[in-house]
C-alpha atoms as a PDB file:
ATOM      1  CA  MET A   1       0.000   0.000   0.000  1.00  0.00           C
ATOM      2  CA  LYS A   2       2.835   2.404   0.870  1.00  0.00           C
ATOM      3  CA  LEU A   3       4.459   1.629  -2.489  1.00  0.00           C
ATOM      4  CA  LEU A   4       1.208   2.431  -4.335  1.00  0.00           C
ATOM      5  CA  ILE A   5       0.873   5.767  -2.500  1.00  0.00           C
ATOM      6  CA  THR A   6       4.512   6.604  -3.285  1.00  0.00           C
ATOM      7  CA  ILE A   7       4.043   5.761  -6.988  1.00  0.00           C
ATOM      8  CA  LEU A   8       0.817   7.771  -7.209  1.00  0.00           C
ATOM      9  CA  GLY A   9       2.521  10.695  -5.456  1.00  0.00           C
ATOM     10  CA  ALA A  10       5.415  10.559  -7.927  1.00  0.00           C
ATOM     11  CA  PHE A  11       3.018  10.545 -10.909  1.00  0.00           C
ATOM     12  CA  SER A  12       1.098  13.523  -9.550  1.00  0.00           C
ATOM     13  CA  LEU A  13       4.360  15.472  -9.183  1.00  0.00           C
ATOM     14  CA  VAL A  14       5.340  14.646 -12.762  1.00  0.00           C
ATOM     15  CA  PHE A  15       1.920  15.697 -14.097  1.00  0.00           C
ATOM     16  CA  ALA A  16       1.980  18.881 -12.019  1.00  0.00           C
ATOM     17  CA  ALA A  17       5.423  19.753 -13.411  1.00  0.00           C
ATOM     18  CA  VAL A  18       4.303  19.069 -16.988  1.00  0.00           C
ATOM     19  CA  GLY A  19       1.123  21.133 -16.579  1.00  0.00           C
ATOM     20  CA  ALA A  20       2.754  24.071 -14.842  1.00  0.00           C
ATOM     21  CA  GLU A  21       3.778  27.071 -16.910  1.00  0.00           C
ATOM     22  CA  SER A  22       7.491  27.745 -16.890  1.00  0.00           C
ATOM     23  CA  VAL A  23       8.560  30.795 -14.951  1.00  0.00           C
ATOM     24  CA  LEU A  24      10.691  33.293 -16.846  1.00  0.00           C
ATOM     25  CA  GLU A  25      13.970  33.826 -15.022  1.00  0.00           C
ATOM     26  CA  LEU A  26      16.595  36.369 -16.017  1.00  0.00           C
ATOM     27  CA  LYS A  27      20.095  36.982 -14.724  1.00  0.00           C
ATOM     28  CA  GLY A  28      20.421  39.967 -12.442  1.00  0.00           C
ATOM     29  CA  THR A  29      23.331  42.292 -11.858  1.00  0.00           C
ATOM     30  CA  ASP A  30      23.733  40.578  -8.480  1.00  0.00           C
ATOM     31  CA  GLY A  31      24.681  37.356 -10.328  1.00  0.00           C
ATOM     32  CA  LYS A  32      21.459  35.577  -9.296  1.00  0.00           C
ATOM     33  CA  MET A  33      18.510  34.424 -11.390  1.00  0.00           C
ATOM     34  CA  HIS A  34      15.277  36.389 -10.852  1.00  0.00           C
ATOM     35  CA  ALA A  35      11.646  35.965 -11.883  1.00  0.00           C
ATOM     36  CA  PRO A  36      10.735  39.584 -12.740  1.00  0.00           C
ATOM     37  CA  LEU A  37       7.075  38.704 -13.409  1.00  0.00           C
ATOM     38  CA  ALA A  38       6.581  37.219  -9.944  1.00  0.00           C
ATOM     39  CA  ALA A  39       4.618  39.565  -7.682  1.00  0.00           C
ATOM     40  CA  GLY A  40       5.079  37.501  -4.531  1.00  0.00           C
ATOM     41  CA  ASP A  41       3.056  39.229  -1.818  1.00  0.00           C
ATOM     42  CA  LYS A  42       3.057  42.573  -3.696  1.00  0.00           C
ATOM     43  CA  LYS A  43      -0.017  44.135  -5.336  1.00  0.00           C
ATOM     44  CA  ALA A  44       1.585  44.526  -8.776  1.00  0.00           C
ATOM     45  CA  VAL A  45       4.735  44.113 -10.862  1.00  0.00           C
ATOM     46  CA  LEU A  46       6.467  47.176 -12.301  1.00  0.00           C
ATOM     47  CA  LEU A  47       8.989  46.800 -15.102  1.00  0.00           C
ATOM     48  CA  PHE A  48      11.135  49.713 -16.257  1.00  0.00           C
ATOM     49  CA  PHE A  49      12.690  49.011 -19.659  1.00  0.00           C
ATOM     50  CA  VAL A  50      15.916  51.042 -19.780  1.00  0.00           C
ATOM     51  CA  SER A  51      19.148  51.276 -21.745  1.00  0.00           C
ATOM     52  CA  PRO A  52      22.469  52.971 -20.989  1.00  0.00           C
ATOM     53  CA  PHE A  53      22.804  53.516 -24.761  1.00  0.00           C
ATOM     54  CA  CYS A  54      19.659  55.684 -24.900  1.00  0.00           C
ATOM     55  CA  SER A  55      20.202  59.332 -24.026  1.00  0.00           C
ATOM     56  CA  THR A  56      16.499  59.625 -23.150  1.00  0.00           C
ATOM     57  CA  THR A  57      16.894  57.118 -20.306  1.00  0.00           C
ATOM     58  CA  ARG A  58      19.384  59.208 -18.317  1.00  0.00           C
ATOM     59  CA  PRO A  59      17.022  62.106 -17.423  1.00  0.00           C
ATOM     60  CA  PHE A  60      14.411  59.616 -16.158  1.00  0.00           C
ATOM     61  CA  MET A  61      16.716  57.724 -13.795  1.00  0.00           C
ATOM     62  CA  PRO A  62      16.115  59.992 -10.756  1.00  0.00           C
ATOM     63  CA  GLU A  63      12.334  59.542 -11.146  1.00  0.00           C
ATOM     64  CA  ILE A  64      12.712  55.781 -11.725  1.00  0.00           C
ATOM     65  CA  ASN A  65      14.786  55.540  -8.526  1.00  0.00           C
ATOM     66  CA  ALA A  66      12.267  57.660  -6.597  1.00  0.00           C
ATOM     67  CA  ILE A  67       9.345  55.514  -7.762  1.00  0.00           C
ATOM     68  CA  ALA A  68      11.224  52.302  -6.906  1.00  0.00           C
ATOM     69  CA  ALA A  69      11.985  53.644  -3.417  1.00  0.00           C
ATOM     70  CA  GLU A  70       8.475  54.981  -2.786  1.00  0.00           C
ATOM     71  CA  TYR A  71       6.464  52.015  -4.133  1.00  0.00           C
ATOM     72  CA  GLY A  72       8.936  49.124  -3.738  1.00  0.00           C
ATOM     73  CA  ASP A  73       7.369  47.892  -0.508  1.00  0.00           C
ATOM     74  CA  ARG A  74       4.011  47.329  -2.273  1.00  0.00           C
ATOM     75  CA  VAL A  75       5.041  46.672  -5.893  1.00  0.00           C
ATOM     76  CA  ALA A  76       7.702  44.276  -7.239  1.00  0.00           C
ATOM     77  CA  VAL A  77      10.044  46.568  -9.188  1.00  0.00           C
ATOM     78  CA  SER A  78      12.643  45.562 -11.796  1.00  0.00           C
ATOM     79  CA  LEU A  79      14.772  47.520 -14.226  1.00  0.00           C
ATOM     80  CA  VAL A  80      15.073  45.529 -17.436  1.00  0.00           C
ATOM     81  CA  HIS A  81      17.827  45.803 -20.049  1.00  0.00           C
ATOM     82  CA  SER A  82      16.452  44.217 -23.250  1.00  0.00           C
ATOM     83  CA  ASP A  83      19.049  45.418 -25.749  1.00  0.00           C
ATOM     84  CA  PRO A  84      20.880  42.312 -27.036  1.00  0.00           C
ATOM     85  CA  GLU A  85      24.191  44.207 -26.765  1.00  0.00           C
ATOM     86  CA  ILE A  86      23.852  44.694 -22.995  1.00  0.00           C
ATOM     87  CA  THR A  87      25.880  42.414 -20.764  1.00  0.00           C
ATOM     88  CA  VAL A  88      25.374  41.943 -17.040  1.00  0.00           C
ATOM     89  CA  GLU A  89      28.564  43.965 -16.513  1.00  0.00           C
ATOM     90  CA  VAL A  90      27.260  46.902 -18.587  1.00  0.00           C
ATOM     91  CA  ALA A  91      23.901  46.777 -16.767  1.00  0.00           C
ATOM     92  CA  LEU A  92      25.727  46.741 -13.408  1.00  0.00           C
ATOM     93  CA  GLN A  93      27.839  49.732 -14.420  1.00  0.00           C
ATOM     94  CA  HIS A  94      24.697  51.618 -15.509  1.00  0.00           C
ATOM     95  CA  ALA A  95      22.970  50.766 -12.215  1.00  0.00           C
ATOM     96  CA  ASP A  96      25.983  51.909 -10.197  1.00  0.00           C
ATOM     97  CA  MET A  97      26.331  55.170 -12.127  1.00  0.00           C
ATOM     98  CA  SER A  98      22.591  55.851 -11.808  1.00  0.00           C
ATOM     99  CA  GLY A  99      22.320  54.932  -8.118  1.00  0.00           C
ATOM    100  CA  VAL A 100      19.774  52.184  -8.771  1.00  0.00           C
ATOM    101  CA  LYS A 101      18.644  50.292  -5.687  1.00  0.00           C
ATOM    102  CA  ALA A 102      15.956  48.149  -7.370  1.00  0.00           C
ATOM    103  CA  ARG A 103      16.559  44.744  -8.938  1.00  0.00           C
ATOM    104  CA  VAL A 104      18.199  44.952 -12.381  1.00  0.00           C
ATOM    105  CA  VAL A 105      17.878  42.098 -14.894  1.00  0.00           C
ATOM    106  CA  VAL A 106      19.221  41.466 -18.390  1.00  0.00           C
ATOM    107  CA  ASP A 107      16.786  40.262 -21.071  1.00  0.00           C
ATOM    108  CA  LYS A 108      19.214  39.625 -23.975  1.00  0.00           C
ATOM    109  CA  GLU A 109      16.756  37.297 -25.723  1.00  0.00           C
ATOM    110  CA  GLN A 110      14.031  39.973 -25.383  1.00  0.00           C
ATOM    111  CA  THR A 111      11.563  37.411 -24.054  1.00  0.00           C
ATOM    112  CA  LEU A 112      10.304  39.711 -21.305  1.00  0.00           C
ATOM    113  CA  ALA A 113      10.156  42.735 -23.617  1.00  0.00           C
ATOM    114  CA  ARG A 114       8.007  40.775 -26.074  1.00  0.00           C
ATOM    115  CA  GLN A 115       5.734  39.417 -23.322  1.00  0.00           C
ATOM    116  CA  ALA A 116       5.228  42.891 -21.875  1.00  0.00           C
ATOM    117  CA  GLY A 117       4.904  44.594 -25.253  1.00  0.00           C
ATOM    118  CA  ALA A 118       7.786  46.981 -24.537  1.00  0.00           C
ATOM    119  CA  ALA A 119       9.226  48.735 -27.583  1.00  0.00           C
ATOM    120  CA  VAL A 120      11.214  51.737 -26.355  1.00  0.00           C
ATOM    121  CA  THR A 121      13.421  52.875 -23.503  1.00  0.00           C
ATOM    122  CA  PRO A 122      12.531  54.183 -21.072  1.00  0.00           C
ATOM    123  CA  GLU A 123       9.118  52.573 -20.870  1.00  0.00           C
ATOM    124  CA  ALA A 124       7.106  51.458 -17.851  1.00  0.00           C
ATOM    125  CA  VAL A 125       4.912  48.368 -17.800  1.00  0.00           C
ATOM    126  CA  LEU A 126       2.698  47.710 -14.785  1.00  0.00           C
ATOM    127  CA  LEU A 127       1.187  44.236 -14.437  1.00  0.00           C
ATOM    128  CA  SER A 128      -1.289  42.622 -12.097  1.00  0.00           C
ATOM    129  CA  PRO A 129      -0.051  39.688  -9.995  1.00  0.00           C
ATOM    130  CA  ALA A 130      -1.773  37.460 -12.608  1.00  0.00           C
ATOM    131  CA  GLY A 131       0.379  38.997 -15.369  1.00  0.00           C
ATOM    132  CA  GLU A 132      -2.229  41.223 -17.035  1.00  0.00           C
ATOM    133  CA  VAL A 133      -0.882  44.530 -18.365  1.00  0.00           C
ATOM    134  CA  ILE A 134      -2.529  47.335 -16.395  1.00  0.00           C
ATOM    135  CA  TYR A 135      -0.424  50.243 -17.674  1.00  0.00           C
ATOM    136  CA  LYS A 136       2.122  50.504 -20.482  1.00  0.00           C
ATOM    137  CA  GLY A 137       3.610  53.814 -21.427  1.00  0.00           C
ATOM    138  CA  ARG A 138       5.565  56.812 -20.309  1.00  0.00           C
ATOM    139  CA  ILE A 139       6.763  57.571 -16.809  1.00  0.00           C
ATOM    140  CA  ASN A 140       5.782  61.224 -17.174  1.00  0.00           C
ATOM    141  CA  ASP A 141       5.699  63.881 -19.898  1.00  0.00           C
ATOM    142  CA  LEU A 142       9.323  65.030 -19.652  1.00  0.00           C
ATOM    143  CA  TYR A 143       9.579  64.095 -23.349  1.00  0.00           C
ATOM    144  CA  LEU A 144       6.649  65.012 -25.589  1.00  0.00           C
ATOM    145  CA  GLY A 145       8.281  63.434 -28.641  1.00  0.00           C
ATOM    146  CA  PRO A 146      11.448  61.494 -29.442  1.00  0.00           C
ATOM    147  CA  THR A 147      13.587  64.645 -29.291  1.00  0.00           C
ATOM    148  CA  LYS A 148      11.151  67.138 -27.757  1.00  0.00           C
ATOM    149  CA  ARG A 149      12.136  67.554 -24.101  1.00  0.00           C
ATOM    150  CA  GLN A 150      10.446  69.942 -21.689  1.00  0.00           C
ATOM    151  CA  ARG A 151      12.328  71.722 -18.900  1.00  0.00           C
ATOM    152  CA  ALA A 152      10.380  69.694 -16.341  1.00  0.00           C
ATOM    153  CA  ALA A 153       7.643  67.083 -16.290  1.00  0.00           C
ATOM    154  CA  THR A 154       4.116  68.385 -15.769  1.00  0.00           C
ATOM    155  CA  THR A 155       2.345  65.020 -15.376  1.00  0.00           C
ATOM    156  CA  LYS A 156       2.871  61.942 -13.228  1.00  0.00           C
ATOM    157  CA  ASP A 157       1.298  59.306 -15.480  1.00  0.00           C
ATOM    158  CA  LEU A 158       2.978  56.256 -13.947  1.00  0.00           C
ATOM    159  CA  ARG A 159       2.560  57.454 -10.354  1.00  0.00           C
ATOM    160  CA  GLU A 160      -1.153  58.028 -11.008  1.00  0.00           C
ATOM    161  CA  ALA A 161      -1.469  54.483 -12.390  1.00  0.00           C
ATOM    162  CA  LEU A 162       0.372  53.043  -9.381  1.00  0.00           C
ATOM    163  CA  ASP A 163      -1.803  55.011  -6.942  1.00  0.00           C
ATOM    164  CA  ALA A 164      -4.954  53.796  -8.712  1.00  0.00           C
ATOM    165  CA  VAL A 165      -3.868  50.140  -8.602  1.00  0.00           C
ATOM    166  CA  LEU A 166      -2.874  50.365  -4.941  1.00  0.00           C
ATOM    167  CA  ALA A 167      -6.248  51.976  -4.124  1.00  0.00           C
ATOM    168  CA  GLY A 168      -8.094  49.192  -5.987  1.00  0.00           C
ATOM    169  CA  LYS A 169      -9.272  51.543  -8.727  1.00  0.00           C
ATOM    170  CA  PRO A 170      -8.989  51.173 -12.517  1.00  0.00           C
ATOM    171  CA  VAL A 171      -6.121  52.853 -14.327  1.00  0.00           C
ATOM    172  CA  VAL A 172      -7.097  55.799 -16.516  1.00  0.00           C
ATOM    173  CA  ALA A 173      -7.070  55.150 -20.265  1.00  0.00           C
ATOM    174  CA  PRO A 174      -5.741  55.953 -22.801  1.00  0.00           C
ATOM    175  CA  GLN A 175      -2.195  55.581 -21.605  1.00  0.00           C
ATOM    176  CA  PRO A 176       0.372  57.947 -23.141  1.00  0.00           C
ATOM    177  CA  GLU A 177       3.058  56.244 -25.235  1.00  0.00           C
ATOM    178  CA  ALA A 178       6.620  56.257 -23.974  1.00  0.00           C
ATOM    179  CA  GLN A 179       9.055  58.469 -25.873  1.00  0.00           C
ATOM    180  CA  GLY A 180      12.628  57.379 -26.274  1.00  0.00           C
ATOM    181  CA  CYS A 181      14.877  54.971 -28.128  1.00  0.00           C
ATOM    182  CA  LYS A 182      13.593  51.866 -29.892  1.00  0.00           C
ATOM    183  CA  ILE A 183      14.747  48.675 -28.199  1.00  0.00           C
ATOM    184  CA  SER A 184      17.356  47.291 -30.592  1.00  0.00           C
ATOM    185  CA  GLY A 185      16.189  44.213 -32.466  1.00  0.00           C
ATOM    186  CA  MET A 186      12.510  44.528 -31.505  1.00  0.00           C
ATOM    187  CA  LYS A 187      10.068  44.274 -34.391  1.00  0.00           C
END
């Protein structure tokens, strides 16, 4: 009887493993593998698609860091490098130079960028714990076009979306498109 229970238990584990969706893991600048889509006990997942090669990314880094610090206790935050030219070392250097405290992962195969629908840097994608895209677009209106920068941002698009999600309210639509550099290799 014990043998039958052991065999049945083994089969159920095999079937559970076959039926389970694989979890996307990416290498982080800390040398560990991370699941950037996993919310854990947080209310949402926030992905910032960035690139050290994009001059538009640099002016947004203080706001990205501020958002990560302010919301990181309630939202799982990751900075994602999806340019195939980016190495973990380059991403680490960018994080160090920008004072990034959030998790930083490298998506060389662009799997996460494709799943999230990211196309430019910097771009924010906010997902529910179930993986549904809640917000995809700009962080704020610092850039009104690819090369049209204002002196200062006048909106807080991403912060408003985060506040809505955390309050259990729907995110306002339409969501303004991110302005910046096209992620290299994305179609």
